[in-house]
C-alpha atoms as a PDB file:
ATOM      1  CA  MET A   1      -9.018  11.437  23.548  1.00  0.00           C
ATOM      2  CA  THR A   2     -11.991  12.042  21.309  1.00  0.00           C
ATOM      3  CA  ALA A   3     -13.519   9.398  19.103  1.00  0.00           C
ATOM      4  CA  VAL A   4     -13.409   9.883  15.343  1.00  0.00           C
ATOM      5  CA  THR A   5     -15.848   8.374  12.825  1.00  0.00           C
ATOM      6  CA  ASP A   6     -13.354   5.789  11.501  1.00  0.00           C
ATOM      7  CA  LYS A   7     -13.228   4.113  14.954  1.00  0.00           C
ATOM      8  CA  THR A   8      -9.731   5.322  15.829  1.00  0.00           C
ATOM      9  CA  PHE A   9      -8.855   7.914  18.392  1.00  0.00           C
ATOM     10  CA  GLU A  10      -7.618  11.358  17.500  1.00  0.00           C
ATOM     11  CA  GLY A  11      -3.836  11.393  17.830  1.00  0.00           C
ATOM     12  CA  SER A  12      -3.697   7.598  17.695  1.00  0.00           C
ATOM     13  CA  PRO A  13      -0.785   5.950  15.848  1.00  0.00           C
ATOM     14  CA  GLU A  14      -3.262   3.477  14.315  1.00  0.00           C
ATOM     15  CA  ARG A  15      -3.987   5.686  11.320  1.00  0.00           C
ATOM     16  CA  ASP A  16      -2.304   4.679   8.082  1.00  0.00           C
ATOM     17  CA  MET A  17      -0.188   7.147   6.121  1.00  0.00           C
ATOM     18  CA  PRO A  18      -0.996   7.254   2.368  1.00  0.00           C
ATOM     19  CA  SER A  19       1.855   7.423  -0.129  1.00  0.00           C
ATOM     20  CA  THR A  20       2.763   6.315  -3.654  1.00  0.00           C
ATOM     21  CA  ALA A  21       5.163   3.573  -4.704  1.00  0.00           C
ATOM     22  CA  THR A  22       6.281   1.549  -7.715  1.00  0.00           C
ATOM     23  CA  VAL A  23       5.892  -2.234  -7.865  1.00  0.00           C
ATOM     24  CA  ALA A  24       9.434  -3.655  -7.950  1.00  0.00           C
ATOM     25  CA  ALA A  25       8.621  -7.376  -7.803  1.00  0.00           C
ATOM     26  CA  VAL A  26       5.707  -9.774  -7.505  1.00  0.00           C
ATOM     27  CA  LEU A  27       6.210 -12.210  -4.614  1.00  0.00           C
ATOM     28  CA  GLN A  28       4.338 -15.347  -3.578  1.00  0.00           C
ATOM     29  CA  ASN A  29       0.987 -15.346  -1.762  1.00  0.00           C
ATOM     30  CA  ASP A  30      -0.293 -12.054  -3.218  1.00  0.00           C
ATOM     31  CA  LEU A  31       2.616 -10.059  -1.792  1.00  0.00           C
ATOM     32  CA  PHE A  32       4.520  -7.349  -3.639  1.00  0.00           C
ATOM     33  CA  ARG A  33       7.853  -5.631  -3.130  1.00  0.00           C
ATOM     34  CA  LEU A  34       7.399  -1.872  -3.555  1.00  0.00           C
ATOM     35  CA  ARG A  35       9.961   0.884  -4.091  1.00  0.00           C
ATOM     36  CA  LEU A  36       9.063   4.228  -2.534  1.00  0.00           C
ATOM     37  CA  PRO A  37      10.173   7.579  -4.021  1.00  0.00           C
ATOM     38  CA  ASP A  38      12.866   7.925  -1.334  1.00  0.00           C
ATOM     39  CA  GLY A  39      14.461   4.622  -2.465  1.00  0.00           C
ATOM     40  CA  THR A  40      13.338   2.397   0.427  1.00  0.00           C
ATOM     41  CA  GLU A  41      11.506  -0.854  -0.189  1.00  0.00           C
ATOM     42  CA  ARG A  42       8.413  -2.236   1.530  1.00  0.00           C
ATOM     43  CA  THR A  43       6.492  -5.504   1.380  1.00  0.00           C
ATOM     44  CA  ALA A  44       2.796  -4.994   0.653  1.00  0.00           C
ATOM     45  CA  HIS A  45      -0.434  -6.892   0.147  1.00  0.00           C
ATOM     46  CA  VAL A  46      -3.460  -5.867  -1.906  1.00  0.00           C
ATOM     47  CA  ALA A  47      -6.467  -4.348  -0.109  1.00  0.00           C
ATOM     48  CA  GLY A  48      -9.762  -6.239  -0.302  1.00  0.00           C
ATOM     49  CA  ASP A  49     -11.520  -3.829  -2.694  1.00  0.00           C
ATOM     50  CA  LEU A  50      -8.683  -4.038  -5.205  1.00  0.00           C
ATOM     51  CA  ARG A  51      -8.496  -7.826  -4.860  1.00  0.00           C
ATOM     52  CA  LYS A  52     -12.235  -8.190  -5.507  1.00  0.00           C
ATOM     53  CA  GLY A  53     -11.883  -6.173  -8.712  1.00  0.00           C
ATOM     54  CA  LEU A  54      -9.281  -8.677  -9.992  1.00  0.00           C
ATOM     55  CA  THR A  55      -6.761  -5.932 -10.697  1.00  0.00           C
ATOM     56  CA  ARG A  56      -3.500  -7.323 -12.032  1.00  0.00           C
ATOM     57  CA  LEU A  57      -0.345  -5.648 -10.781  1.00  0.00           C
ATOM     58  CA  LEU A  58       2.952  -6.032 -12.615  1.00  0.00           C
ATOM     59  CA  PRO A  59       6.442  -4.632 -12.006  1.00  0.00           C
ATOM     60  CA  GLY A  60       6.539  -0.968 -13.017  1.00  0.00           C
ATOM     61  CA  ASP A  61       2.970  -0.139 -11.960  1.00  0.00           C
ATOM     62  CA  VAL A  62       2.565   2.960  -9.802  1.00  0.00           C
ATOM     63  CA  VAL A  63       0.269   2.338  -6.839  1.00  0.00           C
ATOM     64  CA  ARG A  64      -1.136   4.246  -3.877  1.00  0.00           C
ATOM     65  CA  ILE A  65      -0.293   2.611  -0.554  1.00  0.00           C
ATOM     66  CA  GLU A  66      -0.974   2.981   3.139  1.00  0.00           C
ATOM     67  CA  ILE A  67       2.016   2.265   5.373  1.00  0.00           C
ATOM     68  CA  ALA A  68       1.270   0.463   8.626  1.00  0.00           C
ATOM     69  CA  PRO A  69       1.996   2.800  11.548  1.00  0.00           C
ATOM     70  CA  LEU A  70       3.288   0.117  13.908  1.00  0.00           C
ATOM     71  CA  ASP A  71       5.461  -1.789  11.413  1.00  0.00           C
ATOM     72  CA  ARG A  72       6.954   0.567   8.827  1.00  0.00           C
ATOM     73  CA  THR A  73       8.216  -2.345   6.690  1.00  0.00           C
ATOM     74  CA  LYS A  74       4.677  -3.403   5.727  1.00  0.00           C
ATOM     75  CA  ALA A  75       2.098  -1.659   3.563  1.00  0.00           C
ATOM     76  CA  ARG A  76      -1.296  -2.146   1.907  1.00  0.00           C
ATOM     77  CA  ILE A  77      -1.926  -1.367  -1.782  1.00  0.00           C
ATOM     78  CA  VAL A  78      -5.204   0.546  -2.064  1.00  0.00           C
ATOM     79  CA  ALA A  79      -5.217   1.664  -5.734  1.00  0.00           C
ATOM     80  CA  ARG A  80      -3.323   1.318  -9.007  1.00  0.00           C
ATOM     81  CA  LEU A  81      -2.554   4.779 -10.373  1.00  0.00           C
ATOM     82  CA  SER A  82      -0.834   4.028 -13.691  1.00  0.00           C
ATOM     83  CA  SER A  83       1.652   1.722 -15.340  1.00  0.00           C
ATOM     84  CA  HIS A  84       4.929   2.159 -17.167  1.00  0.00           C
ATOM     85  CA  ARG A  85       4.259  -0.716 -19.559  1.00  0.00           C
ATOM     86  CA  SER A  86       4.238  -0.199 -23.312  1.00  0.00           C
END
């Protein structure tokens, strides 16, 4: 296996898969329930950069996520794309 710059190995399952999702509910302890376009739901936490920027996420917001490769029920929110609020 060859080393890649992001400190994972090429072909390694440790790479996250980016996707989009909609915030379905705000849970306790900075957790969110997300609904993916295929209808499945995931539990997610906010990435450090987004948390430092004090970005508020509410139900209906569209976010970009990275799904954990080893546990497909968990994800990390890396960016807020838009919101469906009026």
